[in-house]
PDB file of all heavy atoms in Angstrom:
ATOM      1  N   LYS A   1       0.828  -1.208   0.000  1.00  0.00           N
ATOM      2  CA  LYS A   1       0.000   0.000   0.000  1.00  0.00           C
ATOM      3  C   LYS A   1       0.866   1.262   0.000  1.00  0.00           C
ATOM      4  O   LYS A   1       0.603   2.215  -0.741  1.00  0.00           O
ATOM      5  CB  LYS A   1      -0.934   0.003   1.214  1.00  0.00           C
ATOM      6  CG  LYS A   1      -1.999  -1.068   1.209  1.00  0.00           C
ATOM      7  CD  LYS A   1      -3.048  -0.830   2.300  1.00  0.00           C
ATOM      8  CE  LYS A   1      -2.435  -0.905   3.693  1.00  0.00           C
ATOM      9  NZ  LYS A   1      -3.435  -0.681   4.766  1.00  0.00           N
ATOM     10  N   VAL A   2       1.899   1.268   0.850  1.00  0.00           N
ATOM     11  CA  VAL A   2       2.800   2.422   0.922  1.00  0.00           C
ATOM     12  C   VAL A   2       3.547   2.601  -0.394  1.00  0.00           C
ATOM     13  O   VAL A   2       3.690   3.714  -0.907  1.00  0.00           O
ATOM     14  CB  VAL A   2       3.792   2.255   2.093  1.00  0.00           C
ATOM     15  CG1 VAL A   2       4.862   3.341   2.051  1.00  0.00           C
ATOM     16  CG2 VAL A   2       3.056   2.288   3.431  1.00  0.00           C
ATOM     17  N   ALA A   3       4.022   1.491  -0.953  1.00  0.00           N
ATOM     18  CA  ALA A   3       4.768   1.553  -2.205  1.00  0.00           C
ATOM     19  C   ALA A   3       3.905   2.063  -3.360  1.00  0.00           C
ATOM     20  O   ALA A   3       4.389   2.779  -4.238  1.00  0.00           O
ATOM     21  CB  ALA A   3       5.343   0.173  -2.532  1.00  0.00           C
ATOM     22  N   LYS A   4       2.641   1.710  -3.364  1.00  0.00           N
ATOM     23  CA  LYS A   4       1.738   2.200  -4.407  1.00  0.00           C
ATOM     24  C   LYS A   4       1.594   3.718  -4.326  1.00  0.00           C
ATOM     25  O   LYS A   4       1.574   4.407  -5.357  1.00  0.00           O
ATOM     26  CB  LYS A   4       0.367   1.526  -4.285  1.00  0.00           C
ATOM     27  CG  LYS A   4       0.334   0.081  -4.765  1.00  0.00           C
ATOM     28  CD  LYS A   4      -1.066  -0.493  -4.656  1.00  0.00           C
ATOM     29  CE  LYS A   4      -1.130  -1.907  -5.203  1.00  0.00           C
ATOM     30  NZ  LYS A   4      -2.487  -2.490  -5.117  1.00  0.00           N
ATOM     31  N   TYR A   5       1.495   4.232  -3.113  1.00  0.00           N
ATOM     32  CA  TYR A   5       1.391   5.685  -2.951  1.00  0.00           C
ATOM     33  C   TYR A   5       2.695   6.361  -3.383  1.00  0.00           C
ATOM     34  O   TYR A   5       2.669   7.407  -4.046  1.00  0.00           O
ATOM     35  CB  TYR A   5       1.065   6.041  -1.502  1.00  0.00           C
ATOM     36  CG  TYR A   5       0.796   7.519  -1.295  1.00  0.00           C
ATOM     37  CD1 TYR A   5      -0.451   8.061  -1.609  1.00  0.00           C
ATOM     38  CD2 TYR A   5       1.778   8.376  -0.812  1.00  0.00           C
ATOM     39  CE1 TYR A   5      -0.714   9.409  -1.448  1.00  0.00           C
ATOM     40  CE2 TYR A   5       1.537   9.726  -0.636  1.00  0.00           C
ATOM     41  CZ  TYR A   5       0.292  10.241  -0.956  1.00  0.00           C
ATOM     42  OH  TYR A   5       0.037  11.589  -0.789  1.00  0.00           O
ATOM     43  N   ALA A   6       3.836   5.767  -3.006  1.00  0.00           N
ATOM     44  CA  ALA A   6       5.122   6.314  -3.411  1.00  0.00           C
ATOM     45  C   ALA A   6       5.250   6.354  -4.929  1.00  0.00           C
ATOM     46  O   ALA A   6       5.795   7.306  -5.493  1.00  0.00           O
ATOM     47  CB  ALA A   6       6.257   5.485  -2.796  1.00  0.00           C
ATOM     48  N   LYS A   7       4.750   5.336  -5.583  1.00  0.00           N
ATOM     49  CA  LYS A   7       4.810   5.281  -7.040  1.00  0.00           C
ATOM     50  C   LYS A   7       3.968   6.393  -7.654  1.00  0.00           C
ATOM     51  O   LYS A   7       4.357   6.984  -8.665  1.00  0.00           O
ATOM     52  CB  LYS A   7       4.333   3.906  -7.524  1.00  0.00           C
ATOM     53  CG  LYS A   7       4.668   3.610  -8.982  1.00  0.00           C
ATOM     54  CD  LYS A   7       4.355   2.174  -9.328  1.00  0.00           C
ATOM     55  CE  LYS A   7       4.813   1.848 -10.752  1.00  0.00           C
ATOM     56  NZ  LYS A   7       6.312   1.870 -10.862  1.00  0.00           N
ATOM     57  N   LYS A   8       2.807   6.693  -7.055  1.00  0.00           N
ATOM     58  CA  LYS A   8       1.969   7.787  -7.529  1.00  0.00           C
ATOM     59  C   LYS A   8       2.702   9.125  -7.452  1.00  0.00           C
ATOM     60  O   LYS A   8       2.477  10.015  -8.266  1.00  0.00           O
ATOM     61  CB  LYS A   8       0.681   7.848  -6.713  1.00  0.00           C
ATOM     62  CG  LYS A   8      -0.320   6.739  -7.012  1.00  0.00           C
ATOM     63  CD  LYS A   8      -1.581   6.908  -6.178  1.00  0.00           C
ATOM     64  CE  LYS A   8      -2.585   5.794  -6.477  1.00  0.00           C
ATOM     65  NZ  LYS A   8      -3.823   5.935  -5.660  1.00  0.00           N
ATOM     66  N   LEU A   9       3.575   9.252  -6.445  1.00  0.00           N
ATOM     67  CA  LEU A   9       4.352  10.481  -6.287  1.00  0.00           C
ATOM     68  C   LEU A   9       5.512  10.564  -7.278  1.00  0.00           C
ATOM     69  O   LEU A   9       6.168  11.598  -7.378  1.00  0.00           O
ATOM     70  CB  LEU A   9       4.892  10.584  -4.861  1.00  0.00           C
ATOM     71  CG  LEU A   9       3.867  10.773  -3.746  1.00  0.00           C
ATOM     72  CD1 LEU A   9       4.566  10.776  -2.387  1.00  0.00           C
ATOM     73  CD2 LEU A   9       3.083  12.069  -3.924  1.00  0.00           C
ATOM     74  N   GLY A  10       5.768   9.476  -7.984  1.00  0.00           N
ATOM     75  CA  GLY A  10       6.865   9.466  -8.943  1.00  0.00           C
ATOM     76  C   GLY A  10       8.162   8.918  -8.391  1.00  0.00           C
ATOM     77  O   GLY A  10       9.212   8.993  -9.050  1.00  0.00           O
ATOM     78  N   PHE A  11       8.129   8.368  -7.166  1.00  0.00           N
ATOM     79  CA  PHE A  11       9.319   7.799  -6.560  1.00  0.00           C
ATOM     80  C   PHE A  11       9.681   6.452  -7.192  1.00  0.00           C
ATOM     81  O   PHE A  11       8.836   5.760  -7.749  1.00  0.00           O
ATOM     82  CB  PHE A  11       9.122   7.600  -5.057  1.00  0.00           C
ATOM     83  CG  PHE A  11       9.052   8.870  -4.262  1.00  0.00           C
ATOM     84  CD1 PHE A  11       8.581   8.870  -2.962  1.00  0.00           C
ATOM     85  CD2 PHE A  11       9.468  10.068  -4.800  1.00  0.00           C
ATOM     86  CE1 PHE A  11       8.519  10.030  -2.210  1.00  0.00           C
ATOM     87  CE2 PHE A  11       9.409  11.249  -4.055  1.00  0.00           C
ATOM     88  CZ  PHE A  11       8.928  11.222  -2.765  1.00  0.00           C
ATOM     89  N   THR A  12      10.949   6.104  -7.057  1.00  0.00           N
ATOM     90  CA  THR A  12      11.413   4.779  -7.442  1.00  0.00           C
ATOM     91  C   THR A  12      11.281   3.847  -6.246  1.00  0.00           C
ATOM     92  O   THR A  12      11.737   4.164  -5.148  1.00  0.00           O
ATOM     93  CB  THR A  12      12.884   4.826  -7.895  1.00  0.00           C
ATOM     94  OG1 THR A  12      13.000   5.661  -9.056  1.00  0.00           O
ATOM     95  CG2 THR A  12      13.394   3.431  -8.233  1.00  0.00           C
ATOM     96  N   ASN A  13      10.664   2.689  -6.454  1.00  0.00           N
ATOM     97  CA  ASN A  13      10.466   1.707  -5.389  1.00  0.00           C
ATOM     98  C   ASN A  13      11.413   0.523  -5.566  1.00  0.00           C
ATOM     99  O   ASN A  13      11.417  -0.126  -6.613  1.00  0.00           O
ATOM    100  CB  ASN A  13       9.025   1.177  -5.394  1.00  0.00           C
ATOM    101  CG  ASN A  13       8.036   2.158  -4.811  1.00  0.00           C
ATOM    102  OD1 ASN A  13       8.335   2.913  -3.892  1.00  0.00           O
ATOM    103  ND2 ASN A  13       6.817   2.163  -5.341  1.00  0.00           N
ATOM    104  N   ARG A  14      12.190   0.245  -4.533  1.00  0.00           N
ATOM    105  CA  ARG A  14      13.039  -0.939  -4.518  1.00  0.00           C
ATOM    106  C   ARG A  14      12.718  -1.777  -3.287  1.00  0.00           C
ATOM    107  O   ARG A  14      12.443  -1.227  -2.229  1.00  0.00           O
ATOM    108  CB  ARG A  14      14.515  -0.544  -4.502  1.00  0.00           C
ATOM    109  CG  ARG A  14      14.948   0.253  -5.730  1.00  0.00           C
ATOM    110  CD  ARG A  14      16.417   0.570  -5.712  1.00  0.00           C
ATOM    111  NE  ARG A  14      16.816   1.290  -6.923  1.00  0.00           N
ATOM    112  CZ  ARG A  14      18.047   1.670  -7.194  1.00  0.00           C
ATOM    113  NH1 ARG A  14      19.021   1.380  -6.332  1.00  0.00           N
ATOM    114  NH2 ARG A  14      18.319   2.322  -8.326  1.00  0.00           N
ATOM    115  N   ILE A  15      12.769  -3.066  -3.428  1.00  0.00           N
ATOM    116  CA  ILE A  15      12.459  -3.941  -2.299  1.00  0.00           C
ATOM    117  C   ILE A  15      13.583  -4.945  -2.103  1.00  0.00           C
ATOM    118  O   ILE A  15      14.079  -5.540  -3.058  1.00  0.00           O
ATOM    119  CB  ILE A  15      11.098  -4.655  -2.497  1.00  0.00           C
ATOM    120  CG1 ILE A  15      10.728  -5.455  -1.245  1.00  0.00           C
ATOM    121  CG2 ILE A  15      11.072  -5.508  -3.755  1.00  0.00           C
ATOM    122  CD1 ILE A  15       9.284  -5.931  -1.238  1.00  0.00           C
ATOM    123  N   LEU A  16      13.996  -5.117  -0.849  1.00  0.00           N
ATOM    124  CA  LEU A  16      14.998  -6.103  -0.466  1.00  0.00           C
ATOM    125  C   LEU A  16      14.251  -7.276   0.152  1.00  0.00           C
ATOM    126  O   LEU A  16      13.645  -7.144   1.212  1.00  0.00           O
ATOM    127  CB  LEU A  16      15.996  -5.517   0.543  1.00  0.00           C
ATOM    128  CG  LEU A  16      16.607  -4.148   0.201  1.00  0.00           C
ATOM    129  CD1 LEU A  16      17.646  -3.766   1.239  1.00  0.00           C
ATOM    130  CD2 LEU A  16      17.219  -4.159  -1.188  1.00  0.00           C
ATOM    131  N   THR A  17      14.286  -8.425  -0.484  1.00  0.00           N
ATOM    132  CA  THR A  17      13.414  -9.530  -0.096  1.00  0.00           C
ATOM    133  C   THR A  17      14.088 -10.873  -0.297  1.00  0.00           C
ATOM    134  O   THR A  17      14.988 -11.026  -1.129  1.00  0.00           O
ATOM    135  CB  THR A  17      12.105  -9.477  -0.920  1.00  0.00           C
ATOM    136  OG1 THR A  17      11.293 -10.611  -0.626  1.00  0.00           O
ATOM    137  CG2 THR A  17      12.398  -9.457  -2.419  1.00  0.00           C
ATOM    138  N   ASN A  18      13.632 -11.857   0.476  1.00  0.00           N
ATOM    139  CA  ASN A  18      14.084 -13.234   0.228  1.00  0.00           C
ATOM    140  C   ASN A  18      13.263 -13.885  -0.872  1.00  0.00           C
ATOM    141  O   ASN A  18      13.583 -14.993  -1.315  1.00  0.00           O
ATOM    142  CB  ASN A  18      14.061 -14.073   1.507  1.00  0.00           C
ATOM    143  CG  ASN A  18      12.691 -14.173   2.155  1.00  0.00           C
ATOM    144  OD1 ASN A  18      11.679 -14.404   1.494  1.00  0.00           O
ATOM    145  ND2 ASN A  18      12.640 -14.023   3.484  1.00  0.00           N
ATOM    146  N   ALA A  19      12.199 -13.216  -1.293  1.00  0.00           N
ATOM    147  CA  ALA A  19      11.368 -13.593  -2.448  1.00  0.00           C
ATOM    148  C   ALA A  19      10.540 -14.850  -2.237  1.00  0.00           C
ATOM    149  O   ALA A  19       9.829 -15.269  -3.159  1.00  0.00           O
ATOM    150  CB  ALA A  19      12.221 -13.735  -3.718  1.00  0.00           C
ATOM    151  N   THR A  20      10.579 -15.445  -1.067  1.00  0.00           N
ATOM    152  CA  THR A  20       9.837 -16.690  -0.857  1.00  0.00           C
ATOM    153  C   THR A  20       8.330 -16.484  -0.792  1.00  0.00           C
ATOM    154  O   THR A  20       7.562 -17.446  -0.894  1.00  0.00           O
ATOM    155  CB  THR A  20      10.297 -17.382   0.439  1.00  0.00           C
ATOM    156  OG1 THR A  20      10.098 -16.502   1.548  1.00  0.00           O
ATOM    157  CG2 THR A  20      11.767 -17.777   0.359  1.00  0.00           C
ATOM    158  N   LEU A  21       7.897 -15.244  -0.610  1.00  0.00           N
ATOM    159  CA  LEU A  21       6.465 -14.955  -0.537  1.00  0.00           C
ATOM    160  C   LEU A  21       5.907 -14.451  -1.867  1.00  0.00           C
ATOM    161  O   LEU A  21       4.734 -14.081  -1.947  1.00  0.00           O
ATOM    162  CB  LEU A  21       6.193 -13.923   0.571  1.00  0.00           C
ATOM    163  CG  LEU A  21       6.598 -14.353   1.990  1.00  0.00           C
ATOM    164  CD1 LEU A  21       6.337 -13.234   2.989  1.00  0.00           C
ATOM    165  CD2 LEU A  21       5.855 -15.618   2.402  1.00  0.00           C
ATOM    166  N   ILE A  22       6.723 -14.432  -2.881  1.00  0.00           N
ATOM    167  CA  ILE A  22       6.271 -14.028  -4.211  1.00  0.00           C
ATOM    168  C   ILE A  22       5.784 -15.255  -4.968  1.00  0.00           C
ATOM    169  O   ILE A  22       6.499 -16.246  -5.098  1.00  0.00           O
ATOM    170  CB  ILE A  22       7.406 -13.345  -4.990  1.00  0.00           C
ATOM    171  CG1 ILE A  22       7.896 -12.095  -4.244  1.00  0.00           C
ATOM    172  CG2 ILE A  22       6.951 -12.985  -6.396  1.00  0.00           C
ATOM    173  CD1 ILE A  22       9.100 -11.433  -4.875  1.00  0.00           C
ATOM    174  N   ASP A  23       4.557 -15.199  -5.445  1.00  0.00           N
ATOM    175  CA  ASP A  23       3.997 -16.340  -6.167  1.00  0.00           C
ATOM    176  C   ASP A  23       3.034 -15.858  -7.250  1.00  0.00           C
ATOM    177  O   ASP A  23       2.903 -14.651  -7.493  1.00  0.00           O
ATOM    178  CB  ASP A  23       3.291 -17.316  -5.214  1.00  0.00           C
ATOM    179  CG  ASP A  23       2.193 -16.653  -4.380  1.00  0.00           C
ATOM    180  OD1 ASP A  23       1.561 -15.686  -4.874  1.00  0.00           O
ATOM    181  OD2 ASP A  23       1.960 -17.106  -3.241  1.00  0.00           O
ATOM    182  N   LYS A  24       2.361 -16.789  -7.900  1.00  0.00           N
ATOM    183  CA  LYS A  24       1.474 -16.450  -9.008  1.00  0.00           C
ATOM    184  C   LYS A  24       0.288 -15.594  -8.581  1.00  0.00           C
ATOM    185  O   LYS A  24      -0.332 -14.916  -9.414  1.00  0.00           O
ATOM    186  CB  LYS A  24       0.972 -17.730  -9.680  1.00  0.00           C
ATOM    187  CG  LYS A  24       0.108 -18.613  -8.780  1.00  0.00           C
ATOM    188  CD  LYS A  24      -0.353 -19.871  -9.515  1.00  0.00           C
ATOM    189  CE  LYS A  24      -1.250 -20.741  -8.638  1.00  0.00           C
ATOM    190  NZ  LYS A  24      -1.684 -21.965  -9.371  1.00  0.00           N
ATOM    191  N   HIS A  25      -0.029 -15.605  -7.286  1.00  0.00           N
ATOM    192  CA  HIS A  25      -1.184 -14.858  -6.792  1.00  0.00           C
ATOM    193  C   HIS A  25      -0.891 -13.361  -6.614  1.00  0.00           C
ATOM    194  O   HIS A  25      -1.806 -12.546  -6.715  1.00  0.00           O
ATOM    195  CB  HIS A  25      -1.670 -15.445  -5.467  1.00  0.00           C
ATOM    196  CG  HIS A  25      -2.057 -16.890  -5.551  1.00  0.00           C
ATOM    197  ND1 HIS A  25      -3.144 -17.333  -6.275  1.00  0.00           N
ATOM    198  CD2 HIS A  25      -1.486 -18.001  -5.012  1.00  0.00           C
ATOM    199  CE1 HIS A  25      -3.240 -18.651  -6.189  1.00  0.00           C
ATOM    200  NE2 HIS A  25      -2.238 -19.081  -5.424  1.00  0.00           N
ATOM    201  N   ASN A  26       0.348 -13.004  -6.345  1.00  0.00           N
ATOM    202  CA  ASN A  26       0.660 -11.589  -6.103  1.00  0.00           C
ATOM    203  C   ASN A  26       1.654 -11.006  -7.097  1.00  0.00           C
ATOM    204  O   ASN A  26       2.007  -9.831  -6.989  1.00  0.00           O
ATOM    205  CB  ASN A  26       1.180 -11.387  -4.677  1.00  0.00           C
ATOM    206  CG  ASN A  26       2.442 -12.191  -4.362  1.00  0.00           C
ATOM    207  OD1 ASN A  26       3.129 -12.688  -5.256  1.00  0.00           O
ATOM    208  ND2 ASN A  26       2.759 -12.317  -3.074  1.00  0.00           N
ATOM    209  N   ILE A  27       2.120 -11.795  -8.045  1.00  0.00           N
ATOM    210  CA  ILE A  27       3.166 -11.332  -8.951  1.00  0.00           C
ATOM    211  C   ILE A  27       2.744 -10.111  -9.760  1.00  0.00           C
ATOM    212  O   ILE A  27       3.532  -9.193  -9.980  1.00  0.00           O
ATOM    213  CB  ILE A  27       3.649 -12.470  -9.884  1.00  0.00           C
ATOM    214  CG1 ILE A  27       4.807 -12.000 -10.754  1.00  0.00           C
ATOM    215  CG2 ILE A  27       2.499 -12.994 -10.739  1.00  0.00           C
ATOM    216  CD1 ILE A  27       6.040 -11.616  -9.977  1.00  0.00           C
ATOM    217  N   GLU A  28       1.501 -10.061 -10.196  1.00  0.00           N
ATOM    218  CA  GLU A  28       1.040  -8.935 -11.004  1.00  0.00           C
ATOM    219  C   GLU A  28       1.115  -7.630 -10.210  1.00  0.00           C
ATOM    220  O   GLU A  28       1.623  -6.618 -10.703  1.00  0.00           O
ATOM    221  CB  GLU A  28      -0.395  -9.167 -11.493  1.00  0.00           C
ATOM    222  CG  GLU A  28      -0.551 -10.288 -12.503  1.00  0.00           C
ATOM    223  CD  GLU A  28      -0.014  -9.920 -13.868  1.00  0.00           C
ATOM    224  OE1 GLU A  28       0.252  -8.721 -14.102  1.00  0.00           O
ATOM    225  OE2 GLU A  28       0.168 -10.838 -14.703  1.00  0.00           O
ATOM    226  N   GLU A  29       0.597  -7.677  -8.998  1.00  0.00           N
ATOM    227  CA  GLU A  29       0.573  -6.485  -8.151  1.00  0.00           C
ATOM    228  C   GLU A  29       1.991  -6.040  -7.794  1.00  0.00           C
ATOM    229  O   GLU A  29       2.304  -4.847  -7.847  1.00  0.00           O
ATOM    230  CB  GLU A  29      -0.229  -6.767  -6.879  1.00  0.00           C
ATOM    231  CG  GLU A  29      -0.432  -5.551  -5.986  1.00  0.00           C
ATOM    232  CD  GLU A  29      -1.337  -5.849  -4.810  1.00  0.00           C
ATOM    233  OE1 GLU A  29      -1.226  -6.969  -4.244  1.00  0.00           O
ATOM    234  OE2 GLU A  29      -2.159  -4.987  -4.461  1.00  0.00           O
ATOM    235  N   LEU A  30       2.831  -6.991  -7.458  1.00  0.00           N
ATOM    236  CA  LEU A  30       4.206  -6.664  -7.097  1.00  0.00           C
ATOM    237  C   LEU A  30       4.977  -6.109  -8.290  1.00  0.00           C
ATOM    238  O   LEU A  30       5.729  -5.142  -8.167  1.00  0.00           O
ATOM    239  CB  LEU A  30       4.915  -7.904  -6.546  1.00  0.00           C
ATOM    240  CG  LEU A  30       4.408  -8.428  -5.204  1.00  0.00           C
ATOM    241  CD1 LEU A  30       5.066  -9.759  -4.854  1.00  0.00           C
ATOM    242  CD2 LEU A  30       4.671  -7.412  -4.102  1.00  0.00           C
ATOM    243  N   ALA A  31       4.801  -6.706  -9.436  1.00  0.00           N
ATOM    244  CA  ALA A  31       5.491  -6.249 -10.642  1.00  0.00           C
ATOM    245  C   ALA A  31       5.076  -4.838 -11.022  1.00  0.00           C
ATOM    246  O   ALA A  31       5.882  -4.046 -11.520  1.00  0.00           O
ATOM    247  CB  ALA A  31       5.227  -7.216 -11.794  1.00  0.00           C
ATOM    248  N   ASP A  32       3.819  -4.500 -10.789  1.00  0.00           N
ATOM    249  CA  ASP A  32       3.324  -3.155 -11.091  1.00  0.00           C
ATOM    250  C   ASP A  32       3.804  -2.114 -10.081  1.00  0.00           C
ATOM    251  O   ASP A  32       3.857  -0.925 -10.396  1.00  0.00           O
ATOM    252  CB  ASP A  32       1.792  -3.143 -11.127  1.00  0.00           C
ATOM    253  CG  ASP A  32       1.226  -3.867 -12.333  1.00  0.00           C
ATOM    254  OD1 ASP A  32       1.976  -4.067 -13.313  1.00  0.00           O
ATOM    255  OD2 ASP A  32       0.036  -4.249 -12.285  1.00  0.00           O
ATOM    256  N   THR A  33       4.154  -2.562  -8.882  1.00  0.00           N
ATOM    257  CA  THR A  33       4.432  -1.638  -7.780  1.00  0.00           C
ATOM    258  C   THR A  33       5.912  -1.335  -7.601  1.00  0.00           C
ATOM    259  O   THR A  33       6.286  -0.192  -7.319  1.00  0.00           O
ATOM    260  CB  THR A  33       3.870  -2.212  -6.461  1.00  0.00           C
ATOM    261  OG1 THR A  33       2.471  -2.479  -6.612  1.00  0.00           O
ATOM    262  CG2 THR A  33       4.062  -1.227  -5.318  1.00  0.00           C
ATOM    263  N   PHE A  34       6.758  -2.334  -7.781  1.00  0.00           N
ATOM    264  CA  PHE A  34       8.183  -2.175  -7.483  1.00  0.00           C
ATOM    265  C   PHE A  34       9.015  -2.132  -8.763  1.00  0.00           C
ATOM    266  O   PHE A  34       8.787  -2.882  -9.700  1.00  0.00           O
ATOM    267  CB  PHE A  34       8.668  -3.298  -6.564  1.00  0.00           C
ATOM    268  CG  PHE A  34       8.022  -3.285  -5.218  1.00  0.00           C
ATOM    269  CD1 PHE A  34       6.927  -4.106  -4.955  1.00  0.00           C
ATOM    270  CD2 PHE A  34       8.467  -2.438  -4.225  1.00  0.00           C
ATOM    271  CE1 PHE A  34       6.305  -4.085  -3.711  1.00  0.00           C
ATOM    272  CE2 PHE A  34       7.856  -2.414  -2.980  1.00  0.00           C
ATOM    273  CZ  PHE A  34       6.768  -3.231  -2.723  1.00  0.00           C
ATOM    274  N   ASP A  35      10.020  -1.249  -8.744  1.00  0.00           N
ATOM    275  CA  ASP A  35      10.876  -1.058  -9.912  1.00  0.00           C
ATOM    276  C   ASP A  35      12.073  -2.006  -9.917  1.00  0.00           C
ATOM    277  O   ASP A  35      12.580  -2.355 -10.977  1.00  0.00           O
ATOM    278  CB  ASP A  35      11.376   0.386  -9.967  1.00  0.00           C
ATOM    279  CG  ASP A  35      10.229   1.376 -10.015  1.00  0.00           C
ATOM    280  OD1 ASP A  35       9.563   1.458 -11.069  1.00  0.00           O
ATOM    281  OD2 ASP A  35       9.974   2.056  -8.994  1.00  0.00           O
ATOM    282  N   LEU A  36      12.537  -2.374  -8.745  1.00  0.00           N
ATOM    283  CA  LEU A  36      13.676  -3.287  -8.654  1.00  0.00           C
ATOM    284  C   LEU A  36      13.495  -4.213  -7.458  1.00  0.00           C
ATOM    285  O   LEU A  36      13.082  -3.789  -6.380  1.00  0.00           O
ATOM    286  CB  LEU A  36      14.996  -2.517  -8.509  1.00  0.00           C
ATOM    287  CG  LEU A  36      16.269  -3.368  -8.419  1.00  0.00           C
ATOM    288  CD1 LEU A  36      17.412  -2.722  -9.183  1.00  0.00           C
ATOM    289  CD2 LEU A  36      16.714  -3.580  -6.960  1.00  0.00           C
ATOM    290  N   PHE A  37      13.833  -5.473  -7.673  1.00  0.00           N
ATOM    291  CA  PHE A  37      13.779  -6.490  -6.633  1.00  0.00           C
ATOM    292  C   PHE A  37      15.208  -6.957  -6.346  1.00  0.00           C
ATOM    293  O   PHE A  37      15.867  -7.529  -7.226  1.00  0.00           O
ATOM    294  CB  PHE A  37      12.935  -7.683  -7.069  1.00  0.00           C
ATOM    295  CG  PHE A  37      11.480  -7.370  -7.273  1.00  0.00           C
ATOM    296  CD1 PHE A  37      11.046  -6.696  -8.407  1.00  0.00           C
ATOM    297  CD2 PHE A  37      10.529  -7.758  -6.331  1.00  0.00           C
ATOM    298  CE1 PHE A  37       9.706  -6.406  -8.599  1.00  0.00           C
ATOM    299  CE2 PHE A  37       9.186  -7.476  -6.520  1.00  0.00           C
ATOM    300  CZ  PHE A  37       8.779  -6.793  -7.654  1.00  0.00           C
ATOM    301  N   LYS A  38      15.689  -6.702  -5.143  1.00  0.00           N
ATOM    302  CA  LYS A  38      16.992  -7.207  -4.726  1.00  0.00           C
ATOM    303  C   LYS A  38      16.752  -8.450  -3.894  1.00  0.00           C
ATOM    304  O   LYS A  38      16.177  -8.387  -2.807  1.00  0.00           O
ATOM    305  CB  LYS A  38      17.764  -6.161  -3.923  1.00  0.00           C
ATOM    306  CG  LYS A  38      19.194  -6.567  -3.593  1.00  0.00           C
ATOM    307  CD  LYS A  38      19.950  -5.414  -2.956  1.00  0.00           C
ATOM    308  CE  LYS A  38      21.391  -5.770  -2.674  1.00  0.00           C
ATOM    309  NZ  LYS A  38      22.157  -4.623  -2.102  1.00  0.00           N
ATOM    310  N   ILE A  39      17.192  -9.593  -4.412  1.00  0.00           N
ATOM    311  CA  ILE A  39      16.815 -10.891  -3.860  1.00  0.00           C
ATOM    312  C   ILE A  39      18.046 -11.630  -3.352  1.00  0.00           C
ATOM    313  O   ILE A  39      19.058 -11.745  -4.044  1.00  0.00           O
ATOM    314  CB  ILE A  39      16.086 -11.723  -4.928  1.00  0.00           C
ATOM    315  CG1 ILE A  39      14.826 -10.977  -5.385  1.00  0.00           C
ATOM    316  CG2 ILE A  39      15.729 -13.105  -4.391  1.00  0.00           C
ATOM    317  CD1 ILE A  39      14.160 -11.591  -6.593  1.00  0.00           C
ATOM    318  N   SER A  40      17.954 -12.146  -2.154  1.00  0.00           N
ATOM    319  CA  SER A  40      19.062 -12.851  -1.533  1.00  0.00           C
ATOM    320  C   SER A  40      19.155 -14.290  -2.035  1.00  0.00           C
ATOM    321  O   SER A  40      18.215 -15.060  -1.899  1.00  0.00           O
ATOM    322  CB  SER A  40      18.895 -12.850  -0.008  1.00  0.00           C
ATOM    323  OG  SER A  40      18.861 -11.527   0.494  1.00  0.00           O
ATOM    324  N   VAL A  41      20.306 -14.625  -2.615  1.00  0.00           N
ATOM    325  CA  VAL A  41      20.611 -15.998  -3.025  1.00  0.00           C
ATOM    326  C   VAL A  41      22.055 -16.267  -2.619  1.00  0.00           C
ATOM    327  O   VAL A  41      22.972 -15.610  -3.111  1.00  0.00           O
ATOM    328  CB  VAL A  41      20.441 -16.219  -4.538  1.00  0.00           C
ATOM    329  CG1 VAL A  41      20.759 -17.675  -4.900  1.00  0.00           C
ATOM    330  CG2 VAL A  41      19.033 -15.860  -4.993  1.00  0.00           C
ATOM    331  N   ASP A  42      22.276 -17.217  -1.752  1.00  0.00           N
ATOM    332  CA  ASP A  42      23.610 -17.409  -1.185  1.00  0.00           C
ATOM    333  C   ASP A  42      24.329 -18.656  -1.673  1.00  0.00           C
ATOM    334  O   ASP A  42      25.320 -19.080  -1.084  1.00  0.00           O
ATOM    335  CB  ASP A  42      23.525 -17.434   0.344  1.00  0.00           C
ATOM    336  CG  ASP A  42      23.284 -16.040   0.909  1.00  0.00           C
ATOM    337  OD1 ASP A  42      23.580 -15.055   0.229  1.00  0.00           O
ATOM    338  OD2 ASP A  42      22.774 -15.952   2.041  1.00  0.00           O
ATOM    339  N   GLY A  43      23.842 -19.243  -2.759  1.00  0.00           N
ATOM    340  CA  GLY A  43      24.537 -20.386  -3.315  1.00  0.00           C
ATOM    341  C   GLY A  43      23.952 -20.804  -4.652  1.00  0.00           C
ATOM    342  O   GLY A  43      22.763 -20.574  -4.933  1.00  0.00           O
ATOM    343  N   SER A  44      24.788 -21.418  -5.483  1.00  0.00           N
ATOM    344  CA  SER A  44      24.336 -21.850  -6.802  1.00  0.00           C
ATOM    345  C   SER A  44      23.530 -23.135  -6.747  1.00  0.00           C
ATOM    346  O   SER A  44      22.922 -23.535  -7.744  1.00  0.00           O
ATOM    347  CB  SER A  44      25.544 -22.050  -7.726  1.00  0.00           C
ATOM    348  OG  SER A  44      26.412 -23.055  -7.202  1.00  0.00           O
TER     349      SER A  44
END
């Protein structure tokens, strides 16, 4: 909700996430809201 308002103001939204809560149910909303996703991956 906060990020959506920030986007309306013209701000750039970045999120630092482990990404485990991103799935097919919220991907559309998240993709529309955030400009960059920084995702933690600690091994190949």
